[in-house]
Amino acid sequence: MSPAVQTELERKRVRAHRRRQSKNWSLFLLFAGPNILLILAFIYYPLFSNMYYSTLDWRLGSSTATQIGLENYVAFFTSDSGLEVWRVTGIFTAGAVLGSMILGLLIALVLNKKIPGKTAARTAVFSPYVLSGVGVAMVWNFIFDPTRGGLSHILGFFGISSPEWYLNEDWSLFMVIIVYVWKNLGYCAVVFLAGLQSIPKDLIEAATIDRAGPIRRFVSVTLPLLTPTVFFLLVTNILFSMTNAFDILRTMTPTGHGTNTIIFEIYLQSFGAYQRAGYSAAIAVVLFFTLFFITAVQLRFVERKVHYS
């Protein structure tokens, strides 16, 4: 074959390759382009805009704003109110995550047994998770009412006076943790149940033949094989407890009396009595990077303890 023919064939191959690339890019833009535009418009643009607002001294509704740099961040990390927000957030997150996961695991262990009516029981356990947080909080407001609530009557039957759930800050925080755990433990129970049912039966039978008791089988066989499920729930529950509890907190404690977690503090500072939109934006940025850091640490270090086989 002559050099001229080889050159012409090479050129044809290059043109065909370019046409395929052009076609692939066209298909990519056709199908992924609208999604990319939506993500840019509704996620990244608000994110970077909020970062800019966090550098302003700006009252909500005001037509003027003053550039103050990082003063909002300094105020949040050095003020007593900022430290209180971190304390409340830490207690609420720890209580909500541990309570939901421990109770969810115990319920999943029970529902994994061959018991009558387990399908109805599974439905009943999971149903609070799909209910409206506002509706759940309103029902529990009646239960926790110190004078007319159902809990006060139960405690009164045993001669115990009802705590001041709404006036005492510690009891208020404990109250919203109880409600959040009750609403979300069904989610943990269902995920744990799926993890338990994926464990090979022959491993449990082998441990039984080796005369391992129920506790030994759980610690040595079941729990290590559940670590992927535990890891997944740990990541999602931490994220959910720090971002998705607003409806319960706002409905049960409208002023944030002892329950001002970081997500609730964002609302109170911007739409509450303070109207500090710039300061609220700074707290929102701190929350974003806090969640990013927690997730990165979990993926980097906690996942090492996970057994996938």
C-alpha atoms as a PDB file:
ATOM      1  CA  MET A   1       0.000   0.000   0.000  1.00  0.00           C
ATOM      2  CA  SER A   2       1.389   3.351  -1.016  1.00  0.00           C
ATOM      3  CA  PRO A   3       2.164   6.058   1.524  1.00  0.00           C
ATOM      4  CA  ALA A   4      -0.506   8.319   0.003  1.00  0.00           C
ATOM      5  CA  VAL A   5      -3.200   5.683   0.515  1.00  0.00           C
ATOM      6  CA  GLN A   6      -2.040   5.062   4.097  1.00  0.00           C
ATOM      7  CA  THR A   7      -2.183   8.792   4.799  1.00  0.00           C
ATOM      8  CA  GLU A   8      -5.694   9.030   3.394  1.00  0.00           C
ATOM      9  CA  LEU A   9      -6.859   6.059   5.493  1.00  0.00           C
ATOM     10  CA  GLU A  10      -5.367   7.640   8.613  1.00  0.00           C
ATOM     11  CA  ARG A  11      -7.194  10.869   7.893  1.00  0.00           C
ATOM     12  CA  LYS A  12     -10.465   8.983   7.484  1.00  0.00           C
ATOM     13  CA  ARG A  13      -9.935   7.227  10.826  1.00  0.00           C
ATOM     14  CA  VAL A  14      -9.227  10.567  12.535  1.00  0.00           C
ATOM     15  CA  ARG A  15     -12.387  12.113  11.009  1.00  0.00           C
ATOM     16  CA  ALA A  16     -14.475   9.108  12.048  1.00  0.00           C
ATOM     17  CA  HIS A  17     -13.087   9.311  15.599  1.00  0.00           C
ATOM     18  CA  ARG A  18     -13.910  13.010  15.779  1.00  0.00           C
ATOM     19  CA  ARG A  19     -17.450  12.366  14.536  1.00  0.00           C
ATOM     20  CA  ARG A  20     -17.962   9.705  17.206  1.00  0.00           C
ATOM     21  CA  GLN A  21     -16.646  12.070  19.879  1.00  0.00           C
ATOM     22  CA  SER A  22     -18.903  14.855  18.651  1.00  0.00           C
ATOM     23  CA  LYS A  23     -21.883  12.509  18.675  1.00  0.00           C
ATOM     24  CA  ASN A  24     -21.080  11.300  22.201  1.00  0.00           C
ATOM     25  CA  TRP A  25     -20.740  14.851  23.509  1.00  0.00           C
ATOM     26  CA  SER A  26     -24.016  15.831  21.826  1.00  0.00           C
ATOM     27  CA  LEU A  27     -25.832  12.920  23.472  1.00  0.00           C
ATOM     28  CA  PHE A  28     -24.212  13.769  26.817  1.00  0.00           C
ATOM     29  CA  LEU A  29     -25.340  17.397  26.631  1.00  0.00           C
ATOM     30  CA  LEU A  30     -28.793  16.361  25.468  1.00  0.00           C
ATOM     31  CA  PHE A  31     -29.443  14.047  28.402  1.00  0.00           C
ATOM     32  CA  ALA A  32     -27.217  15.455  31.160  1.00  0.00           C
ATOM     33  CA  GLY A  33     -27.313  19.134  30.231  1.00  0.00           C
ATOM     34  CA  PRO A  34     -30.723  19.949  31.778  1.00  0.00           C
ATOM     35  CA  ASN A  35     -29.750  18.195  35.030  1.00  0.00           C
ATOM     36  CA  ILE A  36     -26.432  20.029  35.159  1.00  0.00           C
ATOM     37  CA  LEU A  37     -28.199  23.363  34.659  1.00  0.00           C
ATOM     38  CA  LEU A  38     -30.686  22.577  37.422  1.00  0.00           C
ATOM     39  CA  ILE A  39     -27.877  21.579  39.807  1.00  0.00           C
ATOM     40  CA  LEU A  40     -25.952  24.768  39.015  1.00  0.00           C
ATOM     41  CA  ALA A  41     -29.066  26.925  39.407  1.00  0.00           C
ATOM     42  CA  PHE A  42     -30.519  25.416  42.568  1.00  0.00           C
ATOM     43  CA  ILE A  43     -27.499  24.049  44.458  1.00  0.00           C
ATOM     44  CA  TYR A  44     -24.215  25.711  43.571  1.00  0.00           C
ATOM     45  CA  TYR A  45     -25.523  29.211  42.842  1.00  0.00           C
ATOM     46  CA  PRO A  46     -27.363  29.439  46.212  1.00  0.00           C
ATOM     47  CA  LEU A  47     -24.328  27.916  47.949  1.00  0.00           C
ATOM     48  CA  PHE A  48     -21.864  30.504  46.664  1.00  0.00           C
ATOM     49  CA  SER A  49     -24.407  33.304  47.080  1.00  0.00           C
ATOM     50  CA  ASN A  50     -24.844  32.310  50.719  1.00  0.00           C
ATOM     51  CA  MET A  51     -21.068  32.371  51.182  1.00  0.00           C
ATOM     52  CA  TYR A  52     -21.065  35.928  49.894  1.00  0.00           C
ATOM     53  CA  TYR A  53     -23.977  36.959  52.143  1.00  0.00           C
ATOM     54  CA  SER A  54     -22.100  35.539  55.136  1.00  0.00           C
ATOM     55  CA  THR A  55     -19.505  38.299  54.754  1.00  0.00           C
ATOM     56  CA  LEU A  56     -22.130  41.036  55.082  1.00  0.00           C
ATOM     57  CA  ASP A  57     -23.679  42.887  57.996  1.00  0.00           C
ATOM     58  CA  TRP A  58     -27.191  42.641  56.593  1.00  0.00           C
ATOM     59  CA  ARG A  59     -30.576  42.759  58.247  1.00  0.00           C
ATOM     60  CA  LEU A  60     -33.312  40.747  56.574  1.00  0.00           C
ATOM     61  CA  GLY A  61     -35.382  43.058  54.385  1.00  0.00           C
ATOM     62  CA  SER A  62     -32.881  45.903  54.506  1.00  0.00           C
ATOM     63  CA  SER A  63     -31.888  47.479  51.181  1.00  0.00           C
ATOM     64  CA  THR A  64     -28.332  48.145  52.371  1.00  0.00           C
ATOM     65  CA  ALA A  65     -25.563  45.843  53.576  1.00  0.00           C
ATOM     66  CA  THR A  66     -22.028  46.437  54.846  1.00  0.00           C
ATOM     67  CA  GLN A  67     -19.050  44.254  53.932  1.00  0.00           C
ATOM     68  CA  ILE A  68     -17.457  43.007  57.177  1.00  0.00           C
ATOM     69  CA  GLY A  69     -15.327  40.080  56.010  1.00  0.00           C
ATOM     70  CA  LEU A  70     -15.165  37.180  58.452  1.00  0.00           C
ATOM     71  CA  GLU A  71     -16.601  38.996  61.473  1.00  0.00           C
ATOM     72  CA  ASN A  72     -19.799  36.906  61.435  1.00  0.00           C
ATOM     73  CA  TYR A  73     -17.746  33.713  61.680  1.00  0.00           C
ATOM     74  CA  VAL A  74     -15.609  35.133  64.474  1.00  0.00           C
ATOM     75  CA  ALA A  75     -18.735  36.175  66.380  1.00  0.00           C
ATOM     76  CA  PHE A  76     -20.281  32.733  66.058  1.00  0.00           C
ATOM     77  CA  PHE A  77     -17.208  30.826  67.225  1.00  0.00           C
ATOM     78  CA  THR A  78     -16.364  33.179  70.099  1.00  0.00           C
ATOM     79  CA  SER A  79     -19.761  34.190  71.504  1.00  0.00           C
ATOM     80  CA  ASP A  80     -21.467  32.380  74.376  1.00  0.00           C
ATOM     81  CA  SER A  81     -24.534  31.821  72.222  1.00  0.00           C
ATOM     82  CA  GLY A  82     -22.411  30.165  69.534  1.00  0.00           C
ATOM     83  CA  LEU A  83     -20.822  27.814  72.058  1.00  0.00           C
ATOM     84  CA  GLU A  84     -24.271  26.984  73.415  1.00  0.00           C
ATOM     85  CA  VAL A  85     -25.430  26.083  69.903  1.00  0.00           C
ATOM     86  CA  TRP A  86     -22.528  23.628  69.545  1.00  0.00           C
ATOM     87  CA  ARG A  87     -23.305  22.083  72.949  1.00  0.00           C
ATOM     88  CA  VAL A  88     -26.989  21.612  72.168  1.00  0.00           C
ATOM     89  CA  THR A  89     -26.237  20.298  68.676  1.00  0.00           C
ATOM     90  CA  GLY A  90     -23.758  17.758  70.038  1.00  0.00           C
ATOM     91  CA  ILE A  91     -26.150  16.481  72.715  1.00  0.00           C
ATOM     92  CA  PHE A  92     -29.104  16.319  70.331  1.00  0.00           C
ATOM     93  CA  THR A  93     -27.120  14.568  67.585  1.00  0.00           C
ATOM     94  CA  ALA A  94     -25.589  12.026  69.969  1.00  0.00           C
ATOM     95  CA  GLY A  95     -28.912  11.261  71.635  1.00  0.00           C
ATOM     96  CA  ALA A  96     -30.843  11.088  68.372  1.00  0.00           C
ATOM     97  CA  VAL A  97     -28.317   8.936  66.510  1.00  0.00           C
ATOM     98  CA  LEU A  98     -27.536   6.503  69.332  1.00  0.00           C
ATOM     99  CA  GLY A  99     -31.162   6.236  70.416  1.00  0.00           C
ATOM    100  CA  SER A 100     -32.452   5.603  66.897  1.00  0.00           C
ATOM    101  CA  MET A 101     -29.757   3.072  66.029  1.00  0.00           C
ATOM    102  CA  ILE A 102     -29.765   1.104  69.293  1.00  0.00           C
ATOM    103  CA  LEU A 103     -33.549   0.867  69.531  1.00  0.00           C
ATOM    104  CA  GLY A 104     -33.800   0.245  65.786  1.00  0.00           C
ATOM    105  CA  LEU A 105     -31.352  -2.661  66.051  1.00  0.00           C
ATOM    106  CA  LEU A 106     -33.215  -4.200  68.993  1.00  0.00           C
ATOM    107  CA  ILE A 107     -36.526  -3.939  67.143  1.00  0.00           C
ATOM    108  CA  ALA A 108     -34.961  -5.407  63.986  1.00  0.00           C
ATOM    109  CA  LEU A 109     -33.656  -8.385  65.969  1.00  0.00           C
ATOM    110  CA  VAL A 110     -37.164  -9.046  67.260  1.00  0.00           C
ATOM    111  CA  LEU A 111     -38.837  -8.583  63.860  1.00  0.00           C
ATOM    112  CA  ASN A 112     -36.305 -10.934  62.281  1.00  0.00           C
ATOM    113  CA  LYS A 113     -37.718 -13.814  64.332  1.00  0.00           C
ATOM    114  CA  LYS A 114     -40.543 -16.047  63.133  1.00  0.00           C
ATOM    115  CA  ILE A 115     -43.357 -14.483  65.135  1.00  0.00           C
ATOM    116  CA  PRO A 116     -47.060 -14.124  64.276  1.00  0.00           C
ATOM    117  CA  GLY A 117     -48.107 -10.750  62.880  1.00  0.00           C
ATOM    118  CA  LYS A 118     -44.580  -9.625  62.080  1.00  0.00           C
ATOM    119  CA  THR A 119     -45.695  -7.978  58.803  1.00  0.00           C
ATOM    120  CA  ALA A 120     -48.168  -5.762  60.652  1.00  0.00           C
ATOM    121  CA  ALA A 121     -45.530  -5.072  63.299  1.00  0.00           C
ATOM    122  CA  ARG A 122     -43.020  -3.985  60.656  1.00  0.00           C
ATOM    123  CA  THR A 123     -45.596  -1.638  59.140  1.00  0.00           C
ATOM    124  CA  ALA A 124     -46.437  -0.171  62.542  1.00  0.00           C
ATOM    125  CA  VAL A 125     -42.769   0.405  63.366  1.00  0.00           C
ATOM    126  CA  PHE A 126     -41.987   2.096  60.068  1.00  0.00           C
ATOM    127  CA  SER A 127     -45.151   4.208  59.752  1.00  0.00           C
ATOM    128  CA  PRO A 128     -44.033   7.104  62.038  1.00  0.00           C
ATOM    129  CA  TYR A 129     -41.078   7.726  59.721  1.00  0.00           C
ATOM    130  CA  VAL A 130     -43.347   8.700  56.822  1.00  0.00           C
ATOM    131  CA  LEU A 131     -45.590  10.945  58.918  1.00  0.00           C
ATOM    132  CA  SER A 132     -45.308  14.729  58.862  1.00  0.00           C
ATOM    133  CA  GLY A 133     -42.881  16.047  61.447  1.00  0.00           C
ATOM    134  CA  VAL A 134     -45.276  18.880  62.281  1.00  0.00           C
ATOM    135  CA  GLY A 135     -48.152  16.469  62.856  1.00  0.00           C
ATOM    136  CA  VAL A 136     -45.993  14.204  65.011  1.00  0.00           C
ATOM    137  CA  ALA A 137     -44.789  17.175  67.078  1.00  0.00           C
ATOM    138  CA  MET A 138     -48.339  18.439  67.634  1.00  0.00           C
ATOM    139  CA  VAL A 139     -49.464  15.049  68.929  1.00  0.00           C
ATOM    140  CA  TRP A 140     -46.475  14.800  71.251  1.00  0.00           C
ATOM    141  CA  ASN A 141     -47.122  18.371  72.444  1.00  0.00           C
ATOM    142  CA  PHE A 142     -50.393  17.087  73.868  1.00  0.00           C
ATOM    143  CA  ILE A 143     -48.682  14.044  75.402  1.00  0.00           C
ATOM    144  CA  PHE A 144     -46.021  16.170  77.132  1.00  0.00           C
ATOM    145  CA  ASP A 145     -48.448  18.837  78.368  1.00  0.00           C
ATOM    146  CA  PRO A 146     -47.631  19.142  82.118  1.00  0.00           C
ATOM    147  CA  THR A 147     -51.256  19.649  83.190  1.00  0.00           C
ATOM    148  CA  ARG A 148     -53.549  17.920  80.670  1.00  0.00           C
ATOM    149  CA  GLY A 149     -51.167  15.643  78.769  1.00  0.00           C
ATOM    150  CA  GLY A 150     -51.363  11.885  78.688  1.00  0.00           C
ATOM    151  CA  LEU A 151     -47.882  11.510  80.189  1.00  0.00           C
ATOM    152  CA  SER A 152     -48.757  13.700  83.183  1.00  0.00           C
ATOM    153  CA  HIS A 153     -51.761  11.480  83.982  1.00  0.00           C
ATOM    154  CA  ILE A 154     -49.605   8.344  83.776  1.00  0.00           C
ATOM    155  CA  LEU A 155     -46.948   9.839  86.051  1.00  0.00           C
ATOM    156  CA  GLY A 156     -49.650  11.137  88.413  1.00  0.00           C
ATOM    157  CA  PHE A 157     -51.047   7.615  88.771  1.00  0.00           C
ATOM    158  CA  PHE A 158     -47.691   6.634  90.295  1.00  0.00           C
ATOM    159  CA  GLY A 159     -47.536   9.778  92.430  1.00  0.00           C
ATOM    160  CA  ILE A 160     -44.884  11.467  90.280  1.00  0.00           C
ATOM    161  CA  SER A 161     -45.282  15.077  89.191  1.00  0.00           C
ATOM    162  CA  SER A 162     -44.692  15.868  85.530  1.00  0.00           C
ATOM    163  CA  PRO A 163     -41.436  17.713  84.729  1.00  0.00           C
ATOM    164  CA  GLU A 164     -41.647  21.204  83.259  1.00  0.00           C
ATOM    165  CA  TRP A 165     -40.899  19.996  79.741  1.00  0.00           C
ATOM    166  CA  TYR A 166     -41.283  23.408  78.102  1.00  0.00           C
ATOM    167  CA  LEU A 167     -39.841  25.666  80.794  1.00  0.00           C
ATOM    168  CA  ASN A 168     -36.734  23.732  81.805  1.00  0.00           C
ATOM    169  CA  GLU A 169     -34.086  23.822  79.056  1.00  0.00           C
ATOM    170  CA  ASP A 170     -32.657  20.393  79.866  1.00  0.00           C
ATOM    171  CA  TRP A 171     -36.068  18.755  79.849  1.00  0.00           C
ATOM    172  CA  SER A 172     -36.959  20.523  76.594  1.00  0.00           C
ATOM    173  CA  LEU A 173     -33.908  19.069  74.884  1.00  0.00           C
ATOM    174  CA  PHE A 174     -34.624  15.614  76.291  1.00  0.00           C
ATOM    175  CA  MET A 175     -38.228  15.916  75.092  1.00  0.00           C
ATOM    176  CA  VAL A 176     -37.376  16.686  71.454  1.00  0.00           C
ATOM    177  CA  ILE A 177     -34.772  13.890  71.415  1.00  0.00           C
ATOM    178  CA  ILE A 178     -37.463  11.419  72.503  1.00  0.00           C
ATOM    179  CA  VAL A 179     -39.811  12.583  69.753  1.00  0.00           C
ATOM    180  CA  TYR A 180     -37.107  12.530  67.073  1.00  0.00           C
ATOM    181  CA  VAL A 181     -35.998   9.023  68.073  1.00  0.00           C
ATOM    182  CA  TRP A 182     -39.601   7.778  68.082  1.00  0.00           C
ATOM    183  CA  LYS A 183     -40.193   9.154  64.594  1.00  0.00           C
ATOM    184  CA  ASN A 184     -36.974   7.861  63.030  1.00  0.00           C
ATOM    185  CA  LEU A 185     -36.230   4.541  64.722  1.00  0.00           C
ATOM    186  CA  GLY A 186     -38.490   2.799  62.180  1.00  0.00           C
ATOM    187  CA  TYR A 187     -36.090   3.810  59.426  1.00  0.00           C
ATOM    188  CA  CYS A 188     -33.158   2.299  61.329  1.00  0.00           C
ATOM    189  CA  ALA A 189     -35.155  -0.829  62.150  1.00  0.00           C
ATOM    190  CA  VAL A 190     -36.054  -1.487  58.506  1.00  0.00           C
ATOM    191  CA  VAL A 191     -32.478  -0.957  57.300  1.00  0.00           C
ATOM    192  CA  PHE A 192     -31.112  -3.176  60.094  1.00  0.00           C
ATOM    193  CA  LEU A 193     -33.711  -5.806  59.249  1.00  0.00           C
ATOM    194  CA  ALA A 194     -32.551  -5.836  55.633  1.00  0.00           C
ATOM    195  CA  GLY A 195     -28.969  -6.243  56.849  1.00  0.00           C
ATOM    196  CA  LEU A 196     -29.904  -9.113  59.162  1.00  0.00           C
ATOM    197  CA  GLN A 197     -31.735 -10.948  56.403  1.00  0.00           C
ATOM    198  CA  SER A 198     -28.700 -10.674  54.120  1.00  0.00           C
ATOM    199  CA  ILE A 199     -26.470 -12.590  56.587  1.00  0.00           C
ATOM    200  CA  PRO A 200     -25.909 -16.156  55.346  1.00  0.00           C
ATOM    201  CA  LYS A 201     -27.854 -18.651  57.447  1.00  0.00           C
ATOM    202  CA  ASP A 202     -25.068 -21.224  57.299  1.00  0.00           C
ATOM    203  CA  LEU A 203     -22.763 -18.969  59.335  1.00  0.00           C
ATOM    204  CA  ILE A 204     -25.328 -18.721  62.138  1.00  0.00           C
ATOM    205  CA  GLU A 205     -25.909 -22.472  61.984  1.00  0.00           C
ATOM    206  CA  ALA A 206     -22.164 -23.146  62.120  1.00  0.00           C
ATOM    207  CA  ALA A 207     -21.833 -20.948  65.203  1.00  0.00           C
ATOM    208  CA  THR A 208     -24.776 -22.780  66.793  1.00  0.00           C
ATOM    209  CA  ILE A 209     -23.139 -26.162  66.098  1.00  0.00           C
ATOM    210  CA  ASP A 210     -19.980 -24.817  67.787  1.00  0.00           C
ATOM    211  CA  ARG A 211     -22.158 -24.245  70.890  1.00  0.00           C
ATOM    212  CA  ALA A 212     -22.029 -20.468  70.684  1.00  0.00           C
ATOM    213  CA  GLY A 213     -24.844 -18.876  72.668  1.00  0.00           C
ATOM    214  CA  PRO A 214     -27.137 -16.106  71.362  1.00  0.00           C
ATOM    215  CA  ILE A 215     -24.943 -13.318  72.722  1.00  0.00           C
ATOM    216  CA  ARG A 216     -21.753 -14.905  71.383  1.00  0.00           C
ATOM    217  CA  ARG A 217     -23.358 -15.438  67.961  1.00  0.00           C
ATOM    218  CA  PHE A 218     -24.484 -11.824  67.870  1.00  0.00           C
ATOM    219  CA  VAL A 219     -21.100 -10.389  68.890  1.00  0.00           C
ATOM    220  CA  SER A 220     -18.904 -12.718  66.833  1.00  0.00           C
ATOM    221  CA  VAL A 221     -21.008 -13.318  63.715  1.00  0.00           C
ATOM    222  CA  THR A 222     -24.003 -11.007  63.339  1.00  0.00           C
ATOM    223  CA  LEU A 223     -22.494  -7.690  64.418  1.00  0.00           C
ATOM    224  CA  PRO A 224     -19.325  -7.885  62.250  1.00  0.00           C
ATOM    225  CA  LEU A 225     -21.453  -8.724  59.205  1.00  0.00           C
ATOM    226  CA  LEU A 226     -23.744  -5.810  60.049  1.00  0.00           C
ATOM    227  CA  THR A 227     -20.931  -3.244  59.966  1.00  0.00           C
ATOM    228  CA  PRO A 228     -21.792  -2.041  56.416  1.00  0.00           C
ATOM    229  CA  THR A 229     -25.347  -1.369  57.611  1.00  0.00           C
ATOM    230  CA  VAL A 230     -24.107   0.299  60.803  1.00  0.00           C
ATOM    231  CA  PHE A 231     -21.742   2.483  58.790  1.00  0.00           C
ATOM    232  CA  PHE A 232     -24.492   3.517  56.369  1.00  0.00           C
ATOM    233  CA  LEU A 233     -26.917   4.361  59.170  1.00  0.00           C
ATOM    234  CA  LEU A 234     -24.244   6.229  61.120  1.00  0.00           C
ATOM    235  CA  VAL A 235     -23.503   8.512  58.166  1.00  0.00           C
ATOM    236  CA  THR A 236     -27.125   9.130  57.205  1.00  0.00           C
ATOM    237  CA  ASN A 237     -28.418   9.553  60.755  1.00  0.00           C
ATOM    238  CA  ILE A 238     -25.788  12.137  61.658  1.00  0.00           C
ATOM    239  CA  LEU A 239     -26.626  14.124  58.529  1.00  0.00           C
ATOM    240  CA  PHE A 240     -30.378  13.790  59.088  1.00  0.00           C
ATOM    241  CA  SER A 241     -30.275  14.714  62.781  1.00  0.00           C
ATOM    242  CA  MET A 242     -28.326  17.899  62.047  1.00  0.00           C
ATOM    243  CA  THR A 243     -30.498  19.018  59.129  1.00  0.00           C
ATOM    244  CA  ASN A 244     -33.938  17.343  59.164  1.00  0.00           C
ATOM    245  CA  ALA A 245     -35.115  17.938  62.732  1.00  0.00           C
ATOM    246  CA  PHE A 246     -36.244  21.515  62.160  1.00  0.00           C
ATOM    247  CA  ASP A 247     -39.974  20.736  61.891  1.00  0.00           C
ATOM    248  CA  ILE A 248     -40.060  18.998  65.274  1.00  0.00           C
ATOM    249  CA  LEU A 249     -37.927  21.649  66.974  1.00  0.00           C
ATOM    250  CA  ARG A 250     -39.910  24.550  65.534  1.00  0.00           C
ATOM    251  CA  THR A 251     -43.302  23.057  66.408  1.00  0.00           C
ATOM    252  CA  MET A 252     -42.504  21.888  69.949  1.00  0.00           C
ATOM    253  CA  THR A 253     -40.207  24.754  71.018  1.00  0.00           C
ATOM    254  CA  PRO A 254     -40.950  27.780  68.788  1.00  0.00           C
ATOM    255  CA  THR A 255     -38.430  30.059  70.508  1.00  0.00           C
ATOM    256  CA  GLY A 256     -35.651  27.485  70.762  1.00  0.00           C
ATOM    257  CA  HIS A 257     -35.698  27.353  74.560  1.00  0.00           C
ATOM    258  CA  GLY A 258     -32.797  24.981  75.161  1.00  0.00           C
ATOM    259  CA  THR A 259     -33.241  23.284  71.766  1.00  0.00           C
ATOM    260  CA  ASN A 260     -31.438  25.712  69.482  1.00  0.00           C
ATOM    261  CA  THR A 261     -29.414  23.253  67.437  1.00  0.00           C
ATOM    262  CA  ILE A 262     -27.387  24.699  64.592  1.00  0.00           C
ATOM    263  CA  ILE A 263     -30.147  24.228  61.994  1.00  0.00           C
ATOM    264  CA  PHE A 264     -32.696  25.841  64.320  1.00  0.00           C
ATOM    265  CA  GLU A 265     -30.278  28.674  65.144  1.00  0.00           C
ATOM    266  CA  ILE A 266     -30.076  29.504  61.425  1.00  0.00           C
ATOM    267  CA  TYR A 267     -33.834  30.013  61.406  1.00  0.00           C
ATOM    268  CA  LEU A 268     -33.921  31.968  64.666  1.00  0.00           C
ATOM    269  CA  GLN A 269     -31.172  34.348  63.573  1.00  0.00           C
ATOM    270  CA  SER A 270     -32.640  35.053  60.135  1.00  0.00           C
ATOM    271  CA  PHE A 271     -36.426  34.813  60.507  1.00  0.00           C
ATOM    272  CA  GLY A 272     -36.773  35.173  64.275  1.00  0.00           C
ATOM    273  CA  ALA A 273     -36.518  38.314  66.353  1.00  0.00           C
ATOM    274  CA  TYR A 274     -32.907  39.035  65.348  1.00  0.00           C
ATOM    275  CA  GLN A 275     -33.321  39.325  61.546  1.00  0.00           C
ATOM    276  CA  ARG A 276     -29.539  38.911  61.139  1.00  0.00           C
ATOM    277  CA  ALA A 277     -29.433  37.505  57.613  1.00  0.00           C
ATOM    278  CA  GLY A 278     -25.653  37.831  57.222  1.00  0.00           C
ATOM    279  CA  TYR A 279     -24.929  36.152  60.548  1.00  0.00           C
ATOM    280  CA  SER A 280     -27.427  33.402  59.734  1.00  0.00           C
ATOM    281  CA  ALA A 281     -25.739  32.828  56.367  1.00  0.00           C
ATOM    282  CA  ALA A 282     -22.399  32.398  58.145  1.00  0.00           C
ATOM    283  CA  ILE A 283     -23.883  29.729  60.426  1.00  0.00           C
ATOM    284  CA  ALA A 284     -25.292  27.952  57.368  1.00  0.00           C
ATOM    285  CA  VAL A 285     -21.823  27.895  55.784  1.00  0.00           C
ATOM    286  CA  VAL A 286     -20.376  26.502  59.017  1.00  0.00           C
ATOM    287  CA  LEU A 287     -23.043  23.775  58.997  1.00  0.00           C
ATOM    288  CA  PHE A 288     -22.198  22.873  55.395  1.00  0.00           C
ATOM    289  CA  PHE A 289     -18.495  22.459  56.077  1.00  0.00           C
ATOM    290  CA  THR A 290     -19.189  20.655  59.369  1.00  0.00           C
ATOM    291  CA  LEU A 291     -21.277  18.045  57.571  1.00  0.00           C
ATOM    292  CA  PHE A 292     -18.670  17.789  54.823  1.00  0.00           C
ATOM    293  CA  PHE A 293     -15.912  17.241  57.391  1.00  0.00           C
ATOM    294  CA  ILE A 294     -17.873  14.673  59.414  1.00  0.00           C
ATOM    295  CA  THR A 295     -18.737  12.688  56.293  1.00  0.00           C
ATOM    296  CA  ALA A 296     -15.141  12.806  55.030  1.00  0.00           C
ATOM    297  CA  VAL A 297     -13.785  11.581  58.384  1.00  0.00           C
ATOM    298  CA  GLN A 298     -16.304   8.737  58.452  1.00  0.00           C
ATOM    299  CA  LEU A 299     -15.458   7.671  54.909  1.00  0.00           C
ATOM    300  CA  ARG A 300     -11.730   7.921  55.607  1.00  0.00           C
ATOM    301  CA  PHE A 301     -11.424   6.270  59.021  1.00  0.00           C
ATOM    302  CA  VAL A 302     -14.677   4.643  60.156  1.00  0.00           C
ATOM    303  CA  GLU A 303     -15.097   2.664  56.930  1.00  0.00           C
ATOM    304  CA  ARG A 304     -11.856   0.819  57.716  1.00  0.00           C
ATOM    305  CA  LYS A 305     -13.736  -1.089  60.411  1.00  0.00           C
ATOM    306  CA  VAL A 306     -16.399  -2.250  57.941  1.00  0.00           C
ATOM    307  CA  HIS A 307     -16.454  -5.909  56.872  1.00  0.00           C
ATOM    308  CA  TYR A 308     -17.910  -6.276  53.393  1.00  0.00           C
ATOM    309  CA  SER A 309     -17.445 -10.027  53.165  1.00  0.00           C
END
